[in-house]
């Protein structure tokens, strides 16, 4: 009897052979960098050209930078175990990592890039994570019920929320959670 393959043959860098490897690594490095950068930001010693105030930038990056990377690493590792399908590897995994890095960069420089562009790039990562997860879950042999949970996670915790709430008053009327979330930042 042959064993079920757990990985596709991959000749590239080991870091791109399984989803947890790049995302756990960059998540841990980014958490350390985020704290090291935030302390002088908070004290006013340096400035980041972001649309966010220093405290709000730090909150956003820890939630949608660090935590999103770690959860993505977990999902890209757990979903193949749940579904029995092969994991995301190689160039698709590298592409996802590049979109995550691009999201971190455009949020940091959102004063130059504009908040709409930053929100689109930042949100693209979560949309791609949901698409990659849904592709594996909905495929034959997957369990479709998990897809709804992943979609809710990505869109209810969307990084566009702070951008929208900061720049449009209509968003405050549309979201019952918005006043409580952003009351202290105004």
N, C-alpha and C. Protein backbone atom coordinates (compact mmCIF):
# COMPACT_ATOMS: atom_id res chain seq x y z
N UNK A 1 0.83 -1.16 0.00
CA UNK A 1 0.00 0.00 0.00
C UNK A 1 0.89 1.24 0.00
N UNK A 2 0.58 2.20 -0.89
CA UNK A 2 1.37 3.43 -0.99
C UNK A 2 0.84 4.47 -0.02
N UNK A 3 1.78 5.23 0.54
CA UNK A 3 1.40 6.32 1.44
C UNK A 3 0.88 7.50 0.63
N UNK A 4 0.00 8.27 1.23
CA UNK A 4 -0.53 9.48 0.59
C UNK A 4 0.56 10.54 0.62
N UNK A 5 0.88 11.17 -0.52
CA UNK A 5 1.92 12.20 -0.51
C UNK A 5 1.49 13.41 0.31
N UNK A 6 2.40 13.92 1.11
CA UNK A 6 2.12 15.09 1.95
C UNK A 6 2.65 16.38 1.34
N UNK A 7 3.63 16.28 0.41
CA UNK A 7 4.22 17.44 -0.24
C UNK A 7 4.46 17.14 -1.71
N UNK A 8 4.39 18.16 -2.53
CA UNK A 8 4.81 18.03 -3.92
C UNK A 8 6.33 18.05 -3.94
N UNK A 9 6.95 17.45 -4.92
CA UNK A 9 8.41 17.58 -5.02
C UNK A 9 8.78 19.05 -5.23
N UNK A 10 9.65 19.59 -4.40
CA UNK A 10 10.03 21.00 -4.48
C UNK A 10 11.53 21.09 -4.40
N UNK A 11 12.14 21.68 -5.42
CA UNK A 11 13.60 21.80 -5.49
C UNK A 11 14.09 23.18 -5.09
N UNK A 12 13.20 24.10 -4.78
CA UNK A 12 13.59 25.47 -4.43
C UNK A 12 13.99 25.60 -2.97
N UNK A 13 14.02 26.83 -2.47
CA UNK A 13 14.39 27.05 -1.07
C UNK A 13 13.39 26.38 -0.12
N UNK A 14 13.92 25.82 0.95
CA UNK A 14 13.07 25.11 1.92
C UNK A 14 12.03 26.02 2.54
N UNK A 15 12.32 27.30 2.63
CA UNK A 15 11.40 28.24 3.26
C UNK A 15 10.08 28.33 2.48
N UNK A 16 10.10 27.98 1.20
CA UNK A 16 8.88 28.04 0.38
C UNK A 16 8.24 26.67 0.18
N UNK A 17 8.61 25.71 1.01
CA UNK A 17 8.06 24.36 0.84
C UNK A 17 6.80 24.12 1.66
N UNK A 18 6.54 24.95 2.64
CA UNK A 18 5.35 24.78 3.47
C UNK A 18 4.93 26.15 3.99
N UNK A 19 3.63 26.40 4.12
CA UNK A 19 3.10 27.71 4.44
C UNK A 19 3.53 28.31 5.77
N UNK A 20 3.79 27.48 6.77
CA UNK A 20 4.16 28.04 8.06
C UNK A 20 5.56 28.65 8.03
N UNK A 21 6.44 28.14 7.17
CA UNK A 21 7.84 28.57 7.21
C UNK A 21 8.03 30.06 6.92
N UNK A 22 7.55 30.57 5.79
CA UNK A 22 7.78 32.01 5.57
C UNK A 22 6.95 32.89 6.48
N UNK A 23 5.71 32.49 6.76
CA UNK A 23 4.84 33.38 7.50
C UNK A 23 5.13 33.41 9.00
N UNK A 24 5.51 32.31 9.59
CA UNK A 24 5.92 32.35 10.99
C UNK A 24 7.21 33.15 11.13
N UNK A 25 8.13 32.97 10.18
CA UNK A 25 9.41 33.68 10.25
C UNK A 25 9.21 35.19 10.09
N UNK A 26 8.51 35.61 9.02
CA UNK A 26 8.34 37.06 8.82
C UNK A 26 7.43 37.65 9.89
N UNK A 27 6.47 36.88 10.37
CA UNK A 27 5.62 37.38 11.45
C UNK A 27 6.42 37.66 12.71
N UNK A 28 7.30 36.74 13.09
CA UNK A 28 8.13 36.94 14.29
C UNK A 28 9.09 38.11 14.10
N UNK A 29 9.73 38.17 12.94
CA UNK A 29 10.65 39.29 12.67
C UNK A 29 9.90 40.62 12.65
N UNK A 30 8.71 40.62 12.06
CA UNK A 30 7.94 41.86 11.97
C UNK A 30 7.43 42.32 13.33
N UNK A 31 7.09 41.39 14.19
CA UNK A 31 6.67 41.77 15.54
C UNK A 31 7.81 42.46 16.28
N UNK A 32 9.00 41.90 16.19
CA UNK A 32 10.15 42.52 16.84
C UNK A 32 10.46 43.88 16.23
N UNK A 33 10.44 43.96 14.89
CA UNK A 33 10.70 45.22 14.21
C UNK A 33 9.61 46.25 14.54
N UNK A 34 8.36 45.80 14.57
CA UNK A 34 7.25 46.71 14.87
C UNK A 34 7.37 47.33 16.25
N UNK A 35 7.78 46.55 17.22
CA UNK A 35 7.94 47.08 18.58
C UNK A 35 9.16 48.00 18.63
N UNK A 36 10.26 47.58 18.00
CA UNK A 36 11.47 48.42 18.00
C UNK A 36 11.23 49.75 17.28
N UNK A 37 10.41 49.76 16.26
CA UNK A 37 10.10 50.99 15.54
C UNK A 37 9.05 51.82 16.27
N UNK A 38 8.10 51.15 16.91
CA UNK A 38 7.02 51.88 17.55
C UNK A 38 7.48 52.69 18.76
N UNK A 39 8.41 52.18 19.53
CA UNK A 39 8.85 52.91 20.72
C UNK A 39 9.39 54.30 20.38
N UNK A 40 10.33 54.46 19.43
CA UNK A 40 10.74 55.82 19.08
C UNK A 40 9.63 56.61 18.38
N UNK A 41 8.75 55.92 17.67
CA UNK A 41 7.60 56.61 17.06
C UNK A 41 6.70 57.20 18.13
N UNK A 42 6.42 56.41 19.13
CA UNK A 42 5.53 56.84 20.21
C UNK A 42 6.13 58.01 20.98
N UNK A 43 7.44 58.00 21.15
CA UNK A 43 8.12 59.08 21.87
C UNK A 43 8.32 60.31 21.00
N UNK A 44 8.02 60.21 19.71
CA UNK A 44 8.16 61.35 18.81
C UNK A 44 9.57 61.55 18.29
N UNK A 45 10.45 60.57 18.47
CA UNK A 45 11.84 60.70 18.02
C UNK A 45 11.97 60.48 16.52
N UNK A 46 11.10 59.66 15.94
CA UNK A 46 11.07 59.44 14.49
C UNK A 46 9.63 59.54 14.01
N UNK A 47 9.47 59.67 12.71
CA UNK A 47 8.12 59.75 12.13
C UNK A 47 8.03 58.78 10.97
N UNK A 48 6.87 58.19 10.81
CA UNK A 48 6.58 57.32 9.68
C UNK A 48 5.51 58.03 8.85
N UNK A 49 5.71 58.13 7.53
CA UNK A 49 4.74 58.84 6.70
C UNK A 49 3.47 58.02 6.46
N UNK A 50 2.76 57.74 7.52
CA UNK A 50 1.55 56.94 7.45
C UNK A 50 0.34 57.81 7.72
N UNK A 51 -0.80 57.39 7.21
CA UNK A 51 -2.06 58.07 7.51
C UNK A 51 -2.47 57.86 8.97
N UNK A 52 -1.87 56.88 9.61
CA UNK A 52 -2.21 56.56 10.99
C UNK A 52 -1.36 57.36 11.97
N UNK A 53 -1.95 57.65 13.12
CA UNK A 53 -1.17 58.15 14.25
C UNK A 53 -0.26 57.02 14.71
N UNK A 54 0.86 57.31 15.38
CA UNK A 54 1.79 56.24 15.77
C UNK A 54 1.13 55.08 16.52
N UNK A 55 0.28 55.39 17.47
CA UNK A 55 -0.38 54.31 18.23
C UNK A 55 -1.28 53.48 17.34
N UNK A 56 -2.03 54.14 16.47
CA UNK A 56 -2.95 53.43 15.58
C UNK A 56 -2.19 52.61 14.54
N UNK A 57 -1.05 53.15 14.07
CA UNK A 57 -0.22 52.39 13.15
C UNK A 57 0.27 51.11 13.81
N UNK A 58 0.74 51.23 15.05
CA UNK A 58 1.23 50.06 15.78
C UNK A 58 0.12 49.02 15.97
N UNK A 59 -1.06 49.47 16.36
CA UNK A 59 -2.20 48.56 16.54
C UNK A 59 -2.52 47.86 15.22
N UNK A 60 -2.61 48.65 14.16
CA UNK A 60 -2.94 48.09 12.85
C UNK A 60 -1.91 47.05 12.42
N UNK A 61 -0.64 47.37 12.57
CA UNK A 61 0.40 46.46 12.11
C UNK A 61 0.51 45.20 12.96
N UNK A 62 0.24 45.30 14.24
CA UNK A 62 0.26 44.09 15.06
C UNK A 62 -0.93 43.19 14.72
N UNK A 63 -2.09 43.80 14.46
CA UNK A 63 -3.27 43.00 14.12
C UNK A 63 -3.22 42.48 12.69
N UNK A 64 -2.98 43.37 11.72
CA UNK A 64 -3.09 42.98 10.31
C UNK A 64 -1.75 42.66 9.68
N UNK A 65 -0.67 42.90 10.38
CA UNK A 65 0.65 42.49 9.91
C UNK A 65 1.06 41.21 10.60
N UNK A 66 1.35 41.32 11.89
CA UNK A 66 1.84 40.17 12.65
C UNK A 66 0.82 39.04 12.76
N UNK A 67 -0.35 39.34 13.31
CA UNK A 67 -1.34 38.28 13.55
C UNK A 67 -1.82 37.67 12.23
N UNK A 68 -2.02 38.50 11.21
CA UNK A 68 -2.44 37.95 9.91
C UNK A 68 -1.38 37.00 9.35
N UNK A 69 -0.10 37.32 9.52
CA UNK A 69 0.97 36.44 9.03
C UNK A 69 0.97 35.12 9.79
N UNK A 70 0.84 35.18 11.10
CA UNK A 70 0.87 33.96 11.91
C UNK A 70 -0.36 33.09 11.63
N UNK A 71 -1.53 33.69 11.53
CA UNK A 71 -2.74 32.92 11.23
C UNK A 71 -2.66 32.33 9.83
N UNK A 72 -2.10 33.09 8.88
CA UNK A 72 -1.93 32.56 7.53
C UNK A 72 -0.99 31.36 7.54
N UNK A 73 0.11 31.47 8.26
CA UNK A 73 1.03 30.33 8.37
C UNK A 73 0.33 29.11 8.96
N UNK A 74 -0.47 29.34 9.98
CA UNK A 74 -1.23 28.24 10.58
C UNK A 74 -2.21 27.64 9.58
N UNK A 75 -2.99 28.49 8.91
CA UNK A 75 -4.00 27.99 7.97
C UNK A 75 -3.37 27.23 6.81
N UNK A 76 -2.28 27.77 6.27
CA UNK A 76 -1.65 27.11 5.13
C UNK A 76 -0.99 25.78 5.53
N UNK A 77 -0.79 25.58 6.81
CA UNK A 77 -0.28 24.30 7.30
C UNK A 77 -1.42 23.38 7.72
N UNK A 78 -2.43 23.92 8.36
CA UNK A 78 -3.51 23.10 8.89
C UNK A 78 -4.47 22.62 7.81
N UNK A 79 -4.78 23.47 6.85
CA UNK A 79 -5.76 23.09 5.83
C UNK A 79 -5.36 21.83 5.07
N UNK A 80 -4.09 21.68 4.64
CA UNK A 80 -3.73 20.41 4.00
C UNK A 80 -3.91 19.21 4.93
N UNK A 81 -3.69 19.40 6.23
CA UNK A 81 -3.92 18.31 7.17
C UNK A 81 -5.41 18.00 7.33
N UNK A 82 -6.24 19.03 7.30
CA UNK A 82 -7.69 18.84 7.43
C UNK A 82 -8.28 18.18 6.19
N UNK A 83 -7.79 18.60 5.02
CA UNK A 83 -8.42 18.16 3.77
C UNK A 83 -7.70 17.00 3.09
N UNK A 84 -6.46 16.74 3.46
CA UNK A 84 -5.69 15.70 2.80
C UNK A 84 -5.13 16.13 1.45
N UNK A 85 -5.27 17.41 1.13
CA UNK A 85 -4.73 17.92 -0.14
C UNK A 85 -3.31 18.42 0.07
N UNK A 86 -2.59 18.63 -1.03
CA UNK A 86 -1.22 19.08 -0.95
C UNK A 86 -1.17 20.57 -0.62
N UNK A 87 -0.16 21.01 0.12
CA UNK A 87 -0.10 22.41 0.55
C UNK A 87 0.35 23.36 -0.56
N UNK A 88 0.10 24.63 -0.33
CA UNK A 88 0.58 25.70 -1.20
C UNK A 88 2.10 25.77 -1.05
N UNK A 89 2.81 25.76 -2.18
CA UNK A 89 4.27 25.76 -2.17
C UNK A 89 4.81 26.64 -3.27
N UNK A 90 6.09 26.96 -3.18
CA UNK A 90 6.82 27.59 -4.26
C UNK A 90 6.38 28.98 -4.62
N UNK A 91 6.22 29.23 -5.92
CA UNK A 91 5.90 30.58 -6.40
C UNK A 91 4.56 31.11 -5.90
N UNK A 92 3.50 30.32 -5.83
CA UNK A 92 2.27 30.86 -5.25
C UNK A 92 2.45 31.31 -3.80
N UNK A 93 3.21 30.56 -3.03
CA UNK A 93 3.50 30.94 -1.64
C UNK A 93 4.36 32.19 -1.60
N UNK A 94 5.34 32.29 -2.49
CA UNK A 94 6.17 33.49 -2.58
C UNK A 94 5.32 34.70 -2.97
N UNK A 95 4.40 34.52 -3.90
CA UNK A 95 3.51 35.61 -4.29
C UNK A 95 2.67 36.11 -3.13
N UNK A 96 2.16 35.20 -2.34
CA UNK A 96 1.38 35.57 -1.16
C UNK A 96 2.24 36.34 -0.17
N UNK A 97 3.47 35.90 0.02
CA UNK A 97 4.40 36.58 0.92
C UNK A 97 4.72 37.98 0.42
N UNK A 98 4.91 38.13 -0.88
CA UNK A 98 5.20 39.45 -1.46
C UNK A 98 4.02 40.40 -1.27
N UNK A 99 2.81 39.90 -1.43
CA UNK A 99 1.63 40.76 -1.21
C UNK A 99 1.56 41.18 0.25
N UNK A 100 1.88 40.28 1.18
CA UNK A 100 1.91 40.64 2.61
C UNK A 100 2.94 41.74 2.85
N UNK A 101 4.14 41.57 2.29
CA UNK A 101 5.19 42.58 2.45
C UNK A 101 4.78 43.91 1.82
N UNK A 102 4.15 43.85 0.66
CA UNK A 102 3.68 45.08 0.01
C UNK A 102 2.63 45.79 0.86
N UNK A 103 1.76 45.02 1.50
CA UNK A 103 0.77 45.62 2.39
C UNK A 103 1.41 46.34 3.55
N UNK A 104 2.47 45.76 4.11
CA UNK A 104 3.17 46.41 5.22
C UNK A 104 3.82 47.71 4.75
N UNK A 105 4.40 47.68 3.54
CA UNK A 105 5.09 48.86 3.02
C UNK A 105 4.10 49.99 2.70
N UNK A 106 3.00 49.68 2.02
CA UNK A 106 2.08 50.76 1.64
C UNK A 106 1.34 51.34 2.84
N UNK A 107 1.11 50.56 3.88
CA UNK A 107 0.51 51.13 5.09
C UNK A 107 1.50 52.05 5.77
N UNK A 108 2.75 51.64 5.81
CA UNK A 108 3.79 52.46 6.43
C UNK A 108 3.94 53.80 5.70
N UNK A 109 3.86 53.78 4.37
CA UNK A 109 4.01 54.98 3.58
C UNK A 109 2.68 55.45 2.98
N UNK A 110 1.60 55.24 3.70
CA UNK A 110 0.29 55.58 3.16
C UNK A 110 0.07 57.08 2.98
N UNK A 111 0.85 57.92 3.63
CA UNK A 111 0.74 59.36 3.39
C UNK A 111 1.19 59.69 1.97
N UNK A 112 2.09 58.89 1.42
CA UNK A 112 2.56 59.09 0.05
C UNK A 112 1.73 58.32 -0.97
N UNK A 113 1.35 57.11 -0.63
CA UNK A 113 0.63 56.27 -1.59
C UNK A 113 -0.86 56.58 -1.64
N UNK A 114 -1.38 57.18 -0.60
CA UNK A 114 -2.81 57.42 -0.50
C UNK A 114 -3.49 56.28 0.24
N UNK A 115 -4.51 56.62 1.00
CA UNK A 115 -5.13 55.60 1.85
C UNK A 115 -5.91 54.57 1.05
N UNK A 116 -6.47 54.95 -0.10
CA UNK A 116 -7.24 53.98 -0.88
C UNK A 116 -6.32 52.92 -1.47
N UNK A 117 -5.20 53.33 -2.05
CA UNK A 117 -4.25 52.37 -2.60
C UNK A 117 -3.70 51.47 -1.50
N UNK A 118 -3.37 52.07 -0.35
CA UNK A 118 -2.86 51.28 0.77
C UNK A 118 -3.90 50.27 1.25
N UNK A 119 -5.15 50.69 1.31
CA UNK A 119 -6.21 49.78 1.75
C UNK A 119 -6.40 48.63 0.76
N UNK A 120 -6.32 48.92 -0.53
CA UNK A 120 -6.50 47.88 -1.54
C UNK A 120 -5.38 46.85 -1.44
N UNK A 121 -4.15 47.31 -1.36
CA UNK A 121 -3.01 46.37 -1.29
C UNK A 121 -3.05 45.60 0.02
N UNK A 122 -3.34 46.28 1.12
CA UNK A 122 -3.39 45.62 2.42
C UNK A 122 -4.50 44.57 2.46
N UNK A 123 -5.63 44.88 1.88
CA UNK A 123 -6.75 43.94 1.84
C UNK A 123 -6.52 42.79 0.88
N UNK A 124 -5.74 43.03 -0.16
CA UNK A 124 -5.50 41.99 -1.16
C UNK A 124 -4.89 40.75 -0.52
N UNK A 125 -4.06 40.93 0.49
CA UNK A 125 -3.45 39.77 1.14
C UNK A 125 -4.51 38.87 1.75
N UNK A 126 -5.43 39.44 2.52
CA UNK A 126 -6.46 38.61 3.15
C UNK A 126 -7.39 37.98 2.13
N UNK A 127 -7.67 38.70 1.07
CA UNK A 127 -8.52 38.14 0.01
C UNK A 127 -7.81 36.95 -0.64
N UNK A 128 -6.51 37.08 -0.89
CA UNK A 128 -5.76 35.97 -1.48
C UNK A 128 -5.64 34.79 -0.53
N UNK A 129 -5.50 35.05 0.76
CA UNK A 129 -5.46 33.96 1.74
C UNK A 129 -6.79 33.21 1.74
N UNK A 130 -7.88 33.94 1.74
CA UNK A 130 -9.19 33.30 1.71
C UNK A 130 -9.36 32.52 0.41
N UNK A 131 -8.91 33.08 -0.71
CA UNK A 131 -9.04 32.38 -2.00
C UNK A 131 -8.22 31.09 -1.99
N UNK A 132 -7.00 31.15 -1.47
CA UNK A 132 -6.16 29.95 -1.42
C UNK A 132 -6.77 28.91 -0.49
N UNK A 133 -7.27 29.36 0.65
CA UNK A 133 -7.89 28.43 1.60
C UNK A 133 -9.17 27.84 1.02
N UNK A 134 -10.00 28.67 0.41
CA UNK A 134 -11.26 28.20 -0.15
C UNK A 134 -11.02 27.21 -1.28
N UNK A 135 -10.00 27.47 -2.08
CA UNK A 135 -9.67 26.55 -3.17
C UNK A 135 -9.38 25.15 -2.65
N UNK A 136 -8.69 25.08 -1.54
CA UNK A 136 -8.34 23.78 -0.97
C UNK A 136 -9.52 23.13 -0.24
N UNK A 137 -10.32 23.95 0.40
CA UNK A 137 -11.43 23.41 1.20
C UNK A 137 -12.59 22.98 0.32
N UNK A 138 -12.90 23.78 -0.70
CA UNK A 138 -14.04 23.50 -1.54
C UNK A 138 -13.73 22.39 -2.55
N UNK A 139 -12.46 22.15 -2.81
CA UNK A 139 -12.06 21.10 -3.76
C UNK A 139 -12.59 19.74 -3.30
N UNK A 140 -12.68 18.79 -4.21
CA UNK A 140 -13.15 17.47 -3.81
C UNK A 140 -12.35 16.92 -2.63
N UNK A 141 -13.06 16.46 -1.65
CA UNK A 141 -12.42 15.92 -0.45
C UNK A 141 -12.32 16.93 0.67
N UNK A 142 -12.59 18.20 0.39
CA UNK A 142 -12.53 19.23 1.43
C UNK A 142 -13.85 19.31 2.17
N UNK A 143 -13.86 20.12 3.21
CA UNK A 143 -15.09 20.33 3.95
C UNK A 143 -15.52 21.77 3.76
N UNK A 144 -16.60 21.98 3.06
CA UNK A 144 -17.04 23.32 2.69
C UNK A 144 -17.46 24.21 3.84
N UNK A 145 -17.80 23.66 4.99
CA UNK A 145 -18.24 24.48 6.11
C UNK A 145 -17.17 25.40 6.66
N UNK A 146 -15.92 25.02 6.50
CA UNK A 146 -14.83 25.84 7.02
C UNK A 146 -14.68 27.11 6.20
N UNK A 147 -15.07 27.08 4.94
CA UNK A 147 -14.91 28.23 4.05
C UNK A 147 -15.63 29.46 4.59
N UNK A 148 -16.82 29.28 5.11
CA UNK A 148 -17.57 30.41 5.65
C UNK A 148 -16.82 31.05 6.81
N UNK A 149 -16.20 30.25 7.66
CA UNK A 149 -15.43 30.79 8.78
C UNK A 149 -14.23 31.60 8.29
N UNK A 150 -13.55 31.10 7.27
CA UNK A 150 -12.39 31.81 6.74
C UNK A 150 -12.79 33.13 6.11
N UNK A 151 -13.89 33.12 5.37
CA UNK A 151 -14.35 34.36 4.74
C UNK A 151 -14.74 35.38 5.80
N UNK A 152 -15.41 34.95 6.83
CA UNK A 152 -15.77 35.88 7.90
C UNK A 152 -14.53 36.45 8.58
N UNK A 153 -13.55 35.58 8.83
CA UNK A 153 -12.32 36.06 9.46
C UNK A 153 -11.67 37.15 8.62
N UNK A 154 -11.58 36.94 7.32
CA UNK A 154 -10.89 37.89 6.47
C UNK A 154 -11.64 39.20 6.31
N UNK A 155 -12.94 39.13 6.12
CA UNK A 155 -13.67 40.35 5.81
C UNK A 155 -14.18 41.09 7.05
N UNK A 156 -14.45 40.40 8.12
CA UNK A 156 -14.87 41.09 9.33
C UNK A 156 -13.69 41.74 10.01
N UNK A 157 -12.52 41.21 9.80
CA UNK A 157 -11.30 41.76 10.40
C UNK A 157 -10.47 42.50 9.35
N UNK A 158 -11.13 42.99 8.34
CA UNK A 158 -10.47 43.60 7.20
C UNK A 158 -9.64 44.81 7.59
N UNK A 159 -8.42 44.91 7.04
CA UNK A 159 -7.60 46.08 7.33
C UNK A 159 -8.11 47.35 6.68
N UNK A 160 -9.13 47.27 5.82
CA UNK A 160 -9.66 48.50 5.24
C UNK A 160 -10.50 49.26 6.25
N UNK A 161 -10.98 48.60 7.29
CA UNK A 161 -11.83 49.27 8.27
C UNK A 161 -11.23 50.55 8.82
N UNK A 162 -9.97 50.53 9.30
CA UNK A 162 -9.43 51.78 9.83
C UNK A 162 -9.29 52.86 8.78
N UNK A 163 -8.94 52.48 7.54
CA UNK A 163 -8.82 53.48 6.48
C UNK A 163 -10.16 54.12 6.20
N UNK A 164 -11.17 53.28 6.06
CA UNK A 164 -12.51 53.78 5.74
C UNK A 164 -13.04 54.65 6.88
N UNK A 165 -12.88 54.18 8.10
CA UNK A 165 -13.40 54.92 9.24
C UNK A 165 -12.68 56.24 9.41
N UNK A 166 -11.42 56.29 9.06
CA UNK A 166 -10.66 57.51 9.21
C UNK A 166 -11.05 58.55 8.17
N UNK A 167 -11.47 58.11 6.99
CA UNK A 167 -11.65 59.03 5.88
C UNK A 167 -13.08 59.24 5.43
N UNK A 168 -14.04 58.53 5.96
CA UNK A 168 -15.43 58.77 5.55
C UNK A 168 -16.33 58.73 6.76
N UNK A 169 -17.20 59.67 6.84
CA UNK A 169 -18.14 59.69 7.96
C UNK A 169 -19.28 58.69 7.73
N UNK A 170 -19.54 58.33 6.46
CA UNK A 170 -20.61 57.37 6.18
C UNK A 170 -20.29 56.01 6.78
N UNK A 171 -19.03 55.66 6.86
CA UNK A 171 -18.65 54.36 7.40
C UNK A 171 -19.06 54.25 8.87
N UNK A 172 -19.04 55.36 9.57
CA UNK A 172 -19.46 55.33 10.97
C UNK A 172 -20.94 54.99 11.09
N UNK A 173 -21.73 55.41 10.11
CA UNK A 173 -23.15 55.11 10.15
C UNK A 173 -23.43 53.67 9.71
N UNK A 174 -22.56 53.10 8.89
CA UNK A 174 -22.77 51.75 8.35
C UNK A 174 -22.36 50.66 9.32
N UNK A 175 -21.40 50.93 10.18
CA UNK A 175 -20.88 49.87 11.04
C UNK A 175 -21.24 50.13 12.49
N UNK A 176 -22.02 49.26 13.11
CA UNK A 176 -22.38 49.48 14.50
C UNK A 176 -21.17 49.34 15.44
N UNK A 177 -20.11 48.63 15.01
CA UNK A 177 -18.92 48.46 15.85
C UNK A 177 -17.98 49.65 15.73
N UNK A 178 -18.09 50.44 14.68
CA UNK A 178 -17.11 51.48 14.40
C UNK A 178 -16.94 52.51 15.51
N UNK A 179 -18.00 53.07 16.07
CA UNK A 179 -17.79 54.08 17.10
C UNK A 179 -17.00 53.56 18.30
N UNK A 180 -17.27 52.34 18.72
CA UNK A 180 -16.56 51.79 19.86
C UNK A 180 -15.09 51.51 19.53
N UNK A 181 -14.83 51.06 18.31
CA UNK A 181 -13.46 50.73 17.93
C UNK A 181 -12.58 51.96 17.75
N UNK A 182 -13.14 53.03 17.22
CA UNK A 182 -12.32 54.18 16.86
C UNK A 182 -12.57 55.40 17.72
N UNK A 183 -13.30 55.26 18.78
CA UNK A 183 -13.61 56.37 19.65
C UNK A 183 -12.34 56.98 20.23
N UNK A 184 -11.39 56.17 20.65
CA UNK A 184 -10.19 56.69 21.30
C UNK A 184 -9.18 57.25 20.33
N UNK A 185 -9.28 56.97 19.04
CA UNK A 185 -8.27 57.45 18.09
C UNK A 185 -8.60 58.81 17.50
N UNK A 186 -9.81 59.32 17.67
CA UNK A 186 -10.14 60.61 17.07
C UNK A 186 -9.69 61.76 17.92
